[in-house]
Amino acid sequence: MRALPFVGRSKDGVLIEVFIQPRAARDSVEGIHGDALKLKVKAPPVDDRANRAVEKLLADLLHLPRSSVAVVAGHSSRRKRIAVTGVSREQVVNRLDRVLAPGT
């Protein structure tokens, strides 16, 4: 298992630092961008649609209900902090490690 410094613990669960690219061709995990997880979402950054798409993508990826995933910082930025409840940091790291391609 690789070290994923963009995944941290919080009082209520896990925090994930993400960098998003809105208006992409598809929703996907692209790898690591600096010190953040890079995500692409089809939704535009209008009316909170990109934020909702990020929440849904991570909830699906982590096999959690969407209510367990929320953007808590960076609502109008490409760089966001996501809070995840109902799962441990180790579980998040294991699931992300399986998704990230070798060499990212």
N, C-alpha and C. Protein backbone atom coordinates (compact mmCIF):
# COMPACT_ATOMS: atom_id res chain seq x y z
N MET A 1 0.84 -1.17 0.00
CA MET A 1 0.00 0.00 0.00
C MET A 1 0.89 1.24 0.00
N ARG A 2 0.59 2.16 -0.90
CA ARG A 2 1.39 3.38 -1.00
C ARG A 2 0.91 4.44 -0.01
N ALA A 3 1.78 5.37 0.30
CA ALA A 3 1.40 6.49 1.16
C ALA A 3 0.59 7.48 0.34
N LEU A 4 -0.53 7.91 0.85
CA LEU A 4 -1.37 8.89 0.17
C LEU A 4 -1.52 10.10 1.09
N PRO A 5 -0.60 11.07 0.96
CA PRO A 5 -0.60 12.20 1.89
C PRO A 5 -1.82 13.10 1.79
N PHE A 6 -2.59 12.99 0.72
CA PHE A 6 -3.79 13.82 0.56
C PHE A 6 -4.99 13.25 1.30
N VAL A 7 -4.82 12.11 1.97
CA VAL A 7 -5.89 11.51 2.78
C VAL A 7 -5.50 11.67 4.25
N GLY A 8 -6.32 12.38 5.00
CA GLY A 8 -6.03 12.61 6.41
C GLY A 8 -7.20 12.26 7.30
N ARG A 9 -6.95 12.26 8.57
CA ARG A 9 -8.01 11.98 9.56
C ARG A 9 -8.62 13.29 10.03
N SER A 10 -9.89 13.20 10.40
CA SER A 10 -10.55 14.33 11.05
C SER A 10 -11.29 13.80 12.26
N LYS A 11 -11.85 14.69 13.03
CA LYS A 11 -12.60 14.29 14.23
C LYS A 11 -13.75 13.34 13.87
N ASP A 12 -14.39 13.60 12.74
CA ASP A 12 -15.58 12.84 12.36
C ASP A 12 -15.34 11.79 11.28
N GLY A 13 -14.12 11.66 10.78
CA GLY A 13 -13.88 10.69 9.72
C GLY A 13 -12.59 10.95 8.99
N VAL A 14 -12.71 11.19 7.67
CA VAL A 14 -11.55 11.30 6.80
C VAL A 14 -11.67 12.58 5.97
N LEU A 15 -10.54 13.22 5.70
CA LEU A 15 -10.50 14.37 4.80
C LEU A 15 -9.64 14.00 3.59
N ILE A 16 -10.11 14.36 2.41
CA ILE A 16 -9.38 14.10 1.17
C ILE A 16 -9.19 15.42 0.44
N GLU A 17 -7.95 15.73 0.09
CA GLU A 17 -7.65 16.92 -0.71
C GLU A 17 -7.75 16.51 -2.17
N VAL A 18 -8.55 17.25 -2.95
CA VAL A 18 -8.72 16.92 -4.37
C VAL A 18 -8.48 18.15 -5.23
N PHE A 19 -8.07 17.89 -6.46
CA PHE A 19 -7.95 18.91 -7.50
C PHE A 19 -8.86 18.44 -8.61
N ILE A 20 -9.80 19.29 -9.02
CA ILE A 20 -10.75 18.83 -10.03
C ILE A 20 -10.60 19.57 -11.34
N GLN A 21 -10.97 18.85 -12.40
CA GLN A 21 -11.06 19.44 -13.73
C GLN A 21 -12.51 19.32 -14.16
N PRO A 22 -13.26 20.42 -14.11
CA PRO A 22 -14.66 20.38 -14.54
C PRO A 22 -14.75 20.36 -16.07
N ARG A 23 -15.94 20.08 -16.57
CA ARG A 23 -16.24 20.05 -18.01
C ARG A 23 -15.35 19.05 -18.75
N ALA A 24 -15.04 17.94 -18.12
CA ALA A 24 -14.24 16.89 -18.75
C ALA A 24 -15.16 16.00 -19.60
N ALA A 25 -14.57 15.14 -20.39
CA ALA A 25 -15.35 14.24 -21.24
C ALA A 25 -16.10 13.19 -20.42
N ARG A 26 -15.53 12.84 -19.25
CA ARG A 26 -16.17 11.82 -18.40
C ARG A 26 -15.75 12.04 -16.95
N ASP A 27 -16.50 11.45 -16.04
CA ASP A 27 -16.13 11.47 -14.62
C ASP A 27 -15.08 10.39 -14.39
N SER A 28 -13.95 10.76 -13.80
CA SER A 28 -12.90 9.76 -13.59
C SER A 28 -11.88 10.23 -12.55
N VAL A 29 -11.14 9.25 -12.04
CA VAL A 29 -9.98 9.51 -11.19
C VAL A 29 -8.78 9.51 -12.11
N GLU A 30 -8.01 10.60 -12.10
CA GLU A 30 -6.90 10.74 -13.03
C GLU A 30 -5.54 10.46 -12.43
N GLY A 31 -5.45 10.39 -11.12
CA GLY A 31 -4.16 10.14 -10.49
C GLY A 31 -3.89 11.14 -9.40
N ILE A 32 -2.61 11.49 -9.25
CA ILE A 32 -2.20 12.41 -8.21
C ILE A 32 -1.68 13.68 -8.87
N HIS A 33 -2.13 14.83 -8.39
CA HIS A 33 -1.73 16.13 -8.91
C HIS A 33 -1.10 16.90 -7.76
N GLY A 34 0.22 16.93 -7.71
CA GLY A 34 0.91 17.57 -6.59
C GLY A 34 0.61 16.82 -5.30
N ASP A 35 -0.05 17.49 -4.37
CA ASP A 35 -0.40 16.86 -3.10
C ASP A 35 -1.91 16.63 -2.98
N ALA A 36 -2.55 16.36 -4.13
CA ALA A 36 -4.00 16.14 -4.14
C ALA A 36 -4.37 15.02 -5.10
N LEU A 37 -5.53 14.44 -4.87
CA LEU A 37 -6.09 13.46 -5.78
C LEU A 37 -6.73 14.22 -6.93
N LYS A 38 -6.39 13.88 -8.18
CA LYS A 38 -6.96 14.58 -9.33
C LYS A 38 -8.19 13.84 -9.84
N LEU A 39 -9.29 14.58 -9.94
CA LEU A 39 -10.55 14.04 -10.45
C LEU A 39 -11.00 14.87 -11.64
N LYS A 40 -11.62 14.20 -12.61
CA LYS A 40 -12.27 14.89 -13.72
C LYS A 40 -13.76 14.65 -13.59
N VAL A 41 -14.54 15.71 -13.81
CA VAL A 41 -16.00 15.58 -13.79
C VAL A 41 -16.58 16.27 -15.01
N LYS A 42 -17.65 15.69 -15.55
CA LYS A 42 -18.31 16.26 -16.72
C LYS A 42 -19.03 17.56 -16.40
N ALA A 43 -19.50 17.69 -15.20
CA ALA A 43 -20.32 18.84 -14.81
C ALA A 43 -19.53 20.15 -14.88
N PRO A 44 -20.21 21.23 -15.26
CA PRO A 44 -19.56 22.54 -15.24
C PRO A 44 -19.54 23.10 -13.82
N PRO A 45 -18.65 24.05 -13.56
CA PRO A 45 -18.58 24.65 -12.22
C PRO A 45 -19.64 25.75 -12.04
N VAL A 46 -20.88 25.38 -12.23
CA VAL A 46 -22.00 26.32 -12.17
C VAL A 46 -23.06 25.75 -11.25
N ASP A 47 -23.62 26.59 -10.38
CA ASP A 47 -24.72 26.18 -9.50
C ASP A 47 -24.39 24.93 -8.69
N ASP A 48 -23.14 24.81 -8.25
CA ASP A 48 -22.71 23.71 -7.38
C ASP A 48 -22.72 22.34 -8.08
N ARG A 49 -22.90 22.32 -9.40
CA ARG A 49 -22.99 21.03 -10.10
C ARG A 49 -21.68 20.25 -10.08
N ALA A 50 -20.55 20.93 -10.23
CA ALA A 50 -19.26 20.22 -10.19
C ALA A 50 -19.01 19.65 -8.79
N ASN A 51 -19.37 20.40 -7.76
CA ASN A 51 -19.21 19.90 -6.39
C ASN A 51 -20.05 18.65 -6.16
N ARG A 52 -21.29 18.67 -6.61
CA ARG A 52 -22.15 17.48 -6.46
C ARG A 52 -21.60 16.29 -7.25
N ALA A 53 -21.03 16.56 -8.42
CA ALA A 53 -20.44 15.48 -9.22
C ALA A 53 -19.22 14.88 -8.52
N VAL A 54 -18.41 15.72 -7.88
CA VAL A 54 -17.25 15.24 -7.12
C VAL A 54 -17.72 14.37 -5.96
N GLU A 55 -18.73 14.82 -5.24
CA GLU A 55 -19.27 14.03 -4.12
C GLU A 55 -19.78 12.68 -4.60
N LYS A 56 -20.51 12.66 -5.71
CA LYS A 56 -21.04 11.40 -6.24
C LYS A 56 -19.92 10.47 -6.69
N LEU A 57 -18.94 11.01 -7.41
CA LEU A 57 -17.82 10.20 -7.89
C LEU A 57 -17.08 9.55 -6.73
N LEU A 58 -16.77 10.32 -5.70
CA LEU A 58 -16.05 9.75 -4.55
C LEU A 58 -16.92 8.77 -3.77
N ALA A 59 -18.20 9.06 -3.62
CA ALA A 59 -19.10 8.13 -2.91
C ALA A 59 -19.16 6.80 -3.65
N ASP A 60 -19.29 6.84 -4.97
CA ASP A 60 -19.32 5.61 -5.76
C ASP A 60 -18.00 4.86 -5.65
N LEU A 61 -16.91 5.58 -5.75
CA LEU A 61 -15.58 4.98 -5.67
C LEU A 61 -15.33 4.30 -4.33
N LEU A 62 -15.82 4.92 -3.26
CA LEU A 62 -15.60 4.40 -1.91
C LEU A 62 -16.72 3.49 -1.43
N HIS A 63 -17.71 3.24 -2.29
CA HIS A 63 -18.84 2.36 -1.96
C HIS A 63 -19.59 2.87 -0.73
N LEU A 64 -19.87 4.17 -0.74
CA LEU A 64 -20.56 4.82 0.37
C LEU A 64 -21.79 5.56 -0.15
N PRO A 65 -22.77 5.81 0.72
CA PRO A 65 -23.89 6.66 0.29
C PRO A 65 -23.39 8.09 0.06
N ARG A 66 -24.02 8.79 -0.86
CA ARG A 66 -23.58 10.14 -1.17
C ARG A 66 -23.65 11.05 0.05
N SER A 67 -24.54 10.76 0.97
CA SER A 67 -24.66 11.58 2.18
C SER A 67 -23.43 11.49 3.08
N SER A 68 -22.56 10.52 2.82
CA SER A 68 -21.33 10.36 3.61
C SER A 68 -20.16 11.16 3.07
N VAL A 69 -20.36 11.84 1.94
CA VAL A 69 -19.29 12.57 1.27
C VAL A 69 -19.74 14.01 1.05
N ALA A 70 -18.93 14.98 1.48
CA ALA A 70 -19.32 16.39 1.32
C ALA A 70 -18.11 17.28 1.08
N VAL A 71 -18.26 18.23 0.18
CA VAL A 71 -17.25 19.26 -0.01
C VAL A 71 -17.33 20.20 1.19
N VAL A 72 -16.23 20.35 1.92
CA VAL A 72 -16.23 21.21 3.11
C VAL A 72 -15.36 22.46 2.95
N ALA A 73 -14.54 22.50 1.92
CA ALA A 73 -13.73 23.69 1.65
C ALA A 73 -13.43 23.74 0.16
N GLY A 74 -13.34 24.95 -0.38
CA GLY A 74 -13.02 25.11 -1.80
C GLY A 74 -14.22 25.02 -2.70
N HIS A 75 -15.38 25.42 -2.23
CA HIS A 75 -16.60 25.29 -3.03
C HIS A 75 -16.51 25.96 -4.40
N SER A 76 -15.78 27.05 -4.51
CA SER A 76 -15.68 27.75 -5.79
C SER A 76 -14.26 27.66 -6.37
N SER A 77 -13.50 26.69 -5.93
CA SER A 77 -12.12 26.50 -6.36
C SER A 77 -11.96 25.13 -7.00
N ARG A 78 -10.92 24.98 -7.81
CA ARG A 78 -10.62 23.65 -8.35
C ARG A 78 -10.01 22.75 -7.28
N ARG A 79 -9.44 23.36 -6.28
CA ARG A 79 -8.86 22.62 -5.17
C ARG A 79 -9.88 22.56 -4.04
N LYS A 80 -10.21 21.36 -3.59
CA LYS A 80 -11.28 21.18 -2.61
C LYS A 80 -10.84 20.24 -1.49
N ARG A 81 -11.51 20.37 -0.37
CA ARG A 81 -11.33 19.44 0.74
C ARG A 81 -12.66 18.71 0.90
N ILE A 82 -12.58 17.38 0.90
CA ILE A 82 -13.77 16.55 0.98
C ILE A 82 -13.77 15.82 2.31
N ALA A 83 -14.89 15.89 3.03
CA ALA A 83 -15.06 15.14 4.28
C ALA A 83 -15.82 13.86 3.97
N VAL A 84 -15.32 12.76 4.52
CA VAL A 84 -15.95 11.45 4.33
C VAL A 84 -16.21 10.85 5.70
N THR A 85 -17.44 10.43 5.94
CA THR A 85 -17.80 9.80 7.21
C THR A 85 -18.22 8.35 6.96
N GLY A 86 -18.16 7.55 8.02
CA GLY A 86 -18.60 6.16 7.91
C GLY A 86 -17.54 5.21 7.40
N VAL A 87 -16.29 5.66 7.36
CA VAL A 87 -15.20 4.83 6.86
C VAL A 87 -13.91 5.31 7.52
N SER A 88 -12.95 4.40 7.68
CA SER A 88 -11.67 4.78 8.29
C SER A 88 -10.69 5.27 7.23
N ARG A 89 -9.65 5.95 7.67
CA ARG A 89 -8.61 6.41 6.75
C ARG A 89 -7.98 5.22 6.03
N GLU A 90 -7.76 4.15 6.74
CA GLU A 90 -7.14 2.96 6.15
C GLU A 90 -8.02 2.38 5.04
N GLN A 91 -9.33 2.36 5.24
CA GLN A 91 -10.24 1.86 4.21
C GLN A 91 -10.20 2.75 2.98
N VAL A 92 -10.18 4.06 3.19
CA VAL A 92 -10.11 5.00 2.06
C VAL A 92 -8.80 4.81 1.30
N VAL A 93 -7.69 4.72 2.02
CA VAL A 93 -6.39 4.53 1.37
C VAL A 93 -6.38 3.23 0.58
N ASN A 94 -6.90 2.14 1.14
CA ASN A 94 -6.93 0.86 0.43
C ASN A 94 -7.75 0.96 -0.85
N ARG A 95 -8.91 1.60 -0.79
CA ARG A 95 -9.77 1.71 -1.97
C ARG A 95 -9.14 2.60 -3.03
N LEU A 96 -8.56 3.72 -2.62
CA LEU A 96 -7.90 4.60 -3.59
C LEU A 96 -6.67 3.95 -4.18
N ASP A 97 -5.93 3.21 -3.38
CA ASP A 97 -4.73 2.53 -3.85
C ASP A 97 -5.07 1.55 -4.98
N ARG A 98 -6.23 0.90 -4.89
CA ARG A 98 -6.65 -0.03 -5.94
C ARG A 98 -7.01 0.68 -7.23
N VAL A 99 -7.50 1.91 -7.11
CA VAL A 99 -7.94 2.66 -8.29
C VAL A 99 -6.78 3.36 -9.00
N LEU A 100 -5.84 3.85 -8.24
CA LEU A 100 -4.73 4.59 -8.83
C LEU A 100 -3.80 3.65 -9.59
N ALA A 101 -3.49 4.01 -10.80
CA ALA A 101 -2.61 3.19 -11.64
C ALA A 101 -1.18 3.29 -11.13
N PRO A 102 -0.38 2.24 -11.31
CA PRO A 102 1.02 2.29 -10.91
C PRO A 102 1.73 3.45 -11.60
N GLY A 103 2.59 4.10 -10.85
CA GLY A 103 3.39 5.17 -11.44
C GLY A 103 2.75 6.54 -11.39
N THR A 104 1.59 6.68 -10.71
CA THR A 104 0.96 8.01 -10.66
C THR A 104 1.55 8.82 -9.54
